[in-house]
Amino acid sequence: MAVIDFEVQGLDDLTKRMQNGSTYVKISLNEGLRAIGRLIVPAKGSGPLADETPRVTGKLARSSFFQIVGGTQNQMLKVSQPAMNEAGDFYGFWVREGTDPHEIRPKNKLALRFMIGGQVIFAKKVNHPGTKPNKYHHRVLARLKAPIQNIVNQMGQRITAQLSGR
């Protein structure tokens, strides 16, 4: 077995950067995820997602926000629209995914109350025809694909530059 000794310049520095690199990579990932979040929802209730959200009351659009969830090993960007109706149901899912035909019955009341044409009408149930899905969140992400890719590319460049000592 042959043993060969030789000296390499900069290997110690590269090893040090690699050891510190994991922290730098985590920080860069966190910064990149935050930049993507600010692109989709710059401030609570604002930005492209809120602009595209259907507005009956505006409550769903106003509830839009993002957060970084998970630990340092598994960071994820989570964009939420947690608006609830009077019964405490998160209704954004129904807007985005639609509903099948269903009956609406009053909760803890004897009848539903409607005002139609100036008249008050009471009903024990209403047959709802269902709603079509409104995939506004897919349209927003499709439109933002290029800027999101740009943020990811910049993250990769920063990480590569840090690890290579530039």
Protein backbone atom coordinates (compact mmCIF):
# COMPACT_ATOMS: atom_id res chain seq x y z
CA MET A 1 0.00 0.00 0.00
CA ALA A 2 1.39 3.37 -1.01
CA VAL A 3 0.99 6.48 1.14
CA ILE A 4 1.29 9.82 -0.57
CA ASP A 5 1.53 13.10 1.36
CA PHE A 6 0.81 16.42 -0.33
CA GLU A 7 -0.30 19.85 0.73
CA VAL A 8 -3.39 21.64 -0.59
CA GLN A 9 -3.97 25.36 -0.17
CA GLY A 10 -7.38 26.52 1.08
CA LEU A 11 -8.73 23.14 2.16
CA ASP A 12 -8.87 24.17 5.82
CA ASP A 13 -10.81 27.31 4.87
CA LEU A 14 -13.22 25.29 2.71
CA THR A 15 -13.78 22.79 5.55
CA LYS A 16 -14.52 25.65 7.94
CA ARG A 17 -17.01 27.19 5.49
CA MET A 18 -18.71 23.83 4.99
CA GLN A 19 -19.10 23.40 8.76
CA ASN A 20 -20.60 26.88 9.04
CA GLY A 21 -22.44 26.39 5.78
CA SER A 22 -25.32 24.44 7.25
CA THR A 23 -26.27 27.45 9.40
CA TYR A 24 -25.82 29.75 6.45
CA VAL A 25 -27.96 27.45 4.28
CA LYS A 26 -30.73 27.42 6.91
CA ILE A 27 -30.63 31.21 7.21
CA SER A 28 -30.64 31.59 3.42
CA LEU A 29 -33.57 29.19 3.14
CA ASN A 30 -35.47 31.14 5.79
CA GLU A 31 -34.76 34.46 4.05
CA GLY A 32 -35.82 32.99 0.70
CA LEU A 33 -39.06 31.59 2.10
CA ARG A 34 -39.83 34.96 3.68
CA ALA A 35 -39.16 36.72 0.38
CA ILE A 36 -41.56 34.34 -1.39
CA GLY A 37 -44.14 34.91 1.36
CA ARG A 38 -43.80 38.70 1.01
CA LEU A 39 -44.28 38.31 -2.73
CA ILE A 40 -47.56 36.41 -2.25
CA VAL A 41 -48.79 38.30 0.87
CA PRO A 42 -46.70 41.46 1.51
CA ALA A 43 -48.71 42.37 4.62
CA LYS A 44 -51.69 40.66 6.23
CA GLY A 45 -54.70 40.94 3.94
CA SER A 46 -52.77 42.44 1.02
CA GLY A 47 -50.96 41.37 -2.12
CA PRO A 48 -51.69 39.18 -5.13
CA LEU A 49 -53.46 36.41 -3.17
CA ALA A 50 -55.76 38.84 -1.38
CA ASP A 51 -56.40 40.73 -4.63
CA GLU A 52 -57.53 37.53 -6.39
CA THR A 53 -59.64 36.23 -3.48
CA PRO A 54 -63.37 36.43 -4.26
CA ARG A 55 -64.96 39.23 -2.22
CA VAL A 56 -68.45 38.85 -0.92
CA THR A 57 -67.59 40.43 2.43
CA GLY A 58 -63.81 40.74 1.95
CA LYS A 59 -63.23 38.81 5.18
CA LEU A 60 -61.43 35.94 3.42
CA ALA A 61 -59.06 38.30 1.58
CA ARG A 62 -58.37 40.32 4.76
CA SER A 63 -57.41 37.16 6.64
CA SER A 64 -54.51 36.30 4.25
CA PHE A 65 -51.07 35.94 5.83
CA PHE A 66 -47.93 33.80 5.64
CA GLN A 67 -45.66 32.25 8.22
CA ILE A 68 -42.58 30.05 8.31
CA VAL A 69 -43.37 26.80 10.14
CA GLY A 70 -41.19 23.91 11.24
CA GLY A 71 -37.77 23.83 12.83
CA THR A 72 -34.38 24.65 11.40
CA GLN A 73 -34.21 21.23 9.73
CA ASN A 74 -37.62 21.37 8.01
CA GLN A 75 -38.66 24.96 7.33
CA MET A 76 -41.79 25.48 5.22
CA LEU A 77 -43.73 28.47 3.98
CA LYS A 78 -47.41 28.32 4.94
CA VAL A 79 -49.89 30.75 3.40
CA SER A 80 -53.24 30.85 5.20
CA GLN A 81 -56.66 32.42 4.82
CA PRO A 82 -58.31 31.41 8.12
CA ALA A 83 -61.54 33.41 7.87
CA MET A 84 -64.50 31.72 9.58
CA ASN A 85 -68.22 32.06 9.12
CA GLU A 86 -70.64 32.71 11.99
CA ALA A 87 -70.78 28.99 12.79
CA GLY A 88 -66.99 28.85 13.21
CA ASP A 89 -66.29 26.98 9.95
CA PHE A 90 -63.23 27.85 7.85
CA TYR A 91 -64.95 28.60 4.54
CA GLY A 92 -61.94 29.36 2.31
CA PHE A 93 -61.70 25.67 1.46
CA TRP A 94 -65.27 25.70 0.12
CA VAL A 95 -64.52 28.75 -2.01
CA ARG A 96 -61.36 27.19 -3.47
CA GLU A 97 -62.68 23.63 -3.86
CA GLY A 98 -66.41 24.24 -4.39
CA THR A 99 -69.27 22.33 -2.80
CA ASP A 100 -71.60 19.54 -3.82
CA PRO A 101 -75.35 20.18 -3.70
CA HIS A 102 -76.44 20.15 -0.07
CA GLU A 103 -79.12 21.23 2.39
CA ILE A 104 -78.63 24.16 4.70
CA ARG A 105 -80.36 23.77 8.06
CA PRO A 106 -80.27 26.17 11.00
CA LYS A 107 -77.94 25.41 13.89
CA ASN A 108 -79.60 25.78 17.30
CA LYS A 109 -82.49 27.75 15.80
CA LEU A 110 -85.95 26.85 14.61
CA ALA A 111 -85.63 28.43 11.17
CA LEU A 112 -83.36 30.29 8.76
CA ARG A 113 -84.27 33.98 8.29
CA PHE A 114 -83.95 35.69 4.90
CA MET A 115 -84.83 39.17 3.70
CA ILE A 116 -85.96 38.95 0.07
CA GLY A 117 -87.53 41.90 -1.73
CA GLY A 118 -88.28 43.68 1.52
CA GLN A 119 -90.06 40.65 3.00
CA VAL A 120 -88.82 38.51 5.85
CA ILE A 121 -88.97 34.82 4.95
CA PHE A 122 -88.35 31.91 7.31
CA ALA A 123 -87.35 28.42 6.17
CA LYS A 124 -86.57 25.20 8.04
CA LYS A 125 -84.09 24.19 5.30
CA VAL A 126 -82.74 25.44 2.00
CA ASN A 127 -81.56 23.26 -0.86
CA HIS A 128 -78.26 24.72 -2.03
CA PRO A 129 -77.24 23.78 -5.60
CA GLY A 130 -73.53 23.75 -4.72
CA THR A 131 -70.76 25.95 -6.05
CA LYS A 132 -68.03 25.48 -8.62
CA PRO A 133 -64.41 25.54 -7.41
CA ASN A 134 -62.64 28.88 -7.70
CA LYS A 135 -58.95 28.03 -8.04
CA TYR A 136 -57.77 31.62 -7.58
CA HIS A 137 -54.78 30.45 -5.51
CA HIS A 138 -53.53 28.33 -8.44
CA ARG A 139 -53.85 31.33 -10.78
CA VAL A 140 -51.87 33.52 -8.37
CA LEU A 141 -49.04 30.99 -8.02
CA ALA A 142 -48.93 30.39 -11.77
CA ARG A 143 -48.62 34.14 -12.36
CA LEU A 144 -45.88 34.41 -9.71
CA LYS A 145 -43.90 31.38 -10.94
CA ALA A 146 -41.13 33.43 -12.60
CA PRO A 147 -40.55 35.80 -9.63
CA ILE A 148 -40.59 32.83 -7.21
CA GLN A 149 -38.04 31.00 -9.38
CA ASN A 150 -35.90 34.15 -9.39
CA ILE A 151 -35.90 34.20 -5.56
CA VAL A 152 -34.91 30.51 -5.47
CA ASN A 153 -32.11 31.15 -8.01
CA GLN A 154 -30.77 34.04 -5.91
CA MET A 155 -30.83 31.81 -2.81
CA GLY A 156 -28.78 29.18 -4.64
CA GLN A 157 -26.28 31.76 -5.84
CA ARG A 158 -25.80 33.16 -2.32
CA ILE A 159 -25.30 29.69 -0.85
CA THR A 160 -22.87 28.68 -3.60
CA ALA A 161 -20.91 31.92 -3.22
CA GLN A 162 -20.71 31.47 0.58
CA LEU A 163 -19.56 27.86 0.35
CA SER A 164 -16.99 28.64 -2.34
CA GLY A 165 -15.61 31.64 -0.41
CA ARG A 166 -16.67 34.38 -2.83
